[in-house]
Amino acid sequence: MKQIILIVLFSVFLLGCKDTKTSDGKFHIVTTTSMITDLVKNIGGDKVSVEGLMGAGVDPHLYKASEGDVSKLSNADMILYSGLHLEGKLVEVFEKMQRQKISTVAVSDALDKEDLISSTLFASNYDPHIWFNVANWEKITVFVAEQLSAAQPENAAYFKANADTYLEKLKALETELRAEIETLPQDKRRLVTAHDAFNYFGKAYGFDVVGLQGISTATEAGVQDVQKTAAYIIDHKVKAVFIESSVPKRTVEALQAAVNSKKHDVTIGGTLFSDALGNPGTPEGTYIGMFKYNVHTIVSALK
């Protein structure tokens, strides 16, 4: 009887120690934002398995890791996150993963300081919304391919080929975006949104950008913010303002009401994707589709 009990206990112990990484034998990558998830899937292809923590409509500024998330991260071969304190509430978790010797990489490390927009209002002193300049995303594509190749040298040629294909798509995207933006007169390129996520976009594509909230959605817009932004809209005869998929729309609706109360008509021009992509399986569920959708929405509303 004792022998049977010992065998059972030993079996339970073995099951408890079983490696919980993916059973398909692929290199397992956990990503944070949906933009990074999409990028890694394009580069890694069928040589990796990719698990994203944040889905459509999720705000990375406020995201907290659940027990399940910590388990996923602990069982990853590599973790790729945005960095620059975008995922501010996960910093301690990333540090814990590094202590566990899990390769934990910020994709923002691909960029030089000259590529970044300074901000005294954010913890990293840089605006973290780096994906809204396609040129930045091209550099990050090359960087991620290098990281995967270093981890899996046997698949380096495969990763490089996928990255090269994706870079061609990004170059085509840039050409298409600029052509559509050129149809909008310069004096109408004024983008007013829920929070300050579009500064890289504005700098790259010639828009004056105003965010009702700060760079992080952890800060709430106050009455003074609403009044100041309303005055900007009226002074510059802005036709439309935009809500964002990952930010509650109430502040933008309050802004619209403040502007309309002063006898200036401003519409809500649509919903933009800022800190997250759209639903999987839709065009907006990819980085390229999201960017096309955003630019078309902005240009159409401001014309």
Foldseek 3Di string as FASTA:
>chain_A
DVVVVVVVVVVVVVVVPDQPADPVPAQEEEEEFLQVQQLCCLLCPPRYHYHYDDAFLAQLLPDADDPVNLVSLLNHQEYEYADLCSNVNCVVSLVVSVVVVRHYYHLCVLDDPVLWDADPPGPSRTQRLSVLALVSVLSSSVVVLVVVCVVPVVCSVSSVVSSVVVSVVSVVLVVVLQVLLVVADLLLQEAEEQEDQCPSNCVRRPHHYHHLHYSRPVGDRDPVSLVVVLVVCVVSVHAEYEYESNHDCPSVVVSQVVNVVVVRHHYHLYYAYGRHFHHPPDLSSHSSSRSVVRSVSSSVRRD
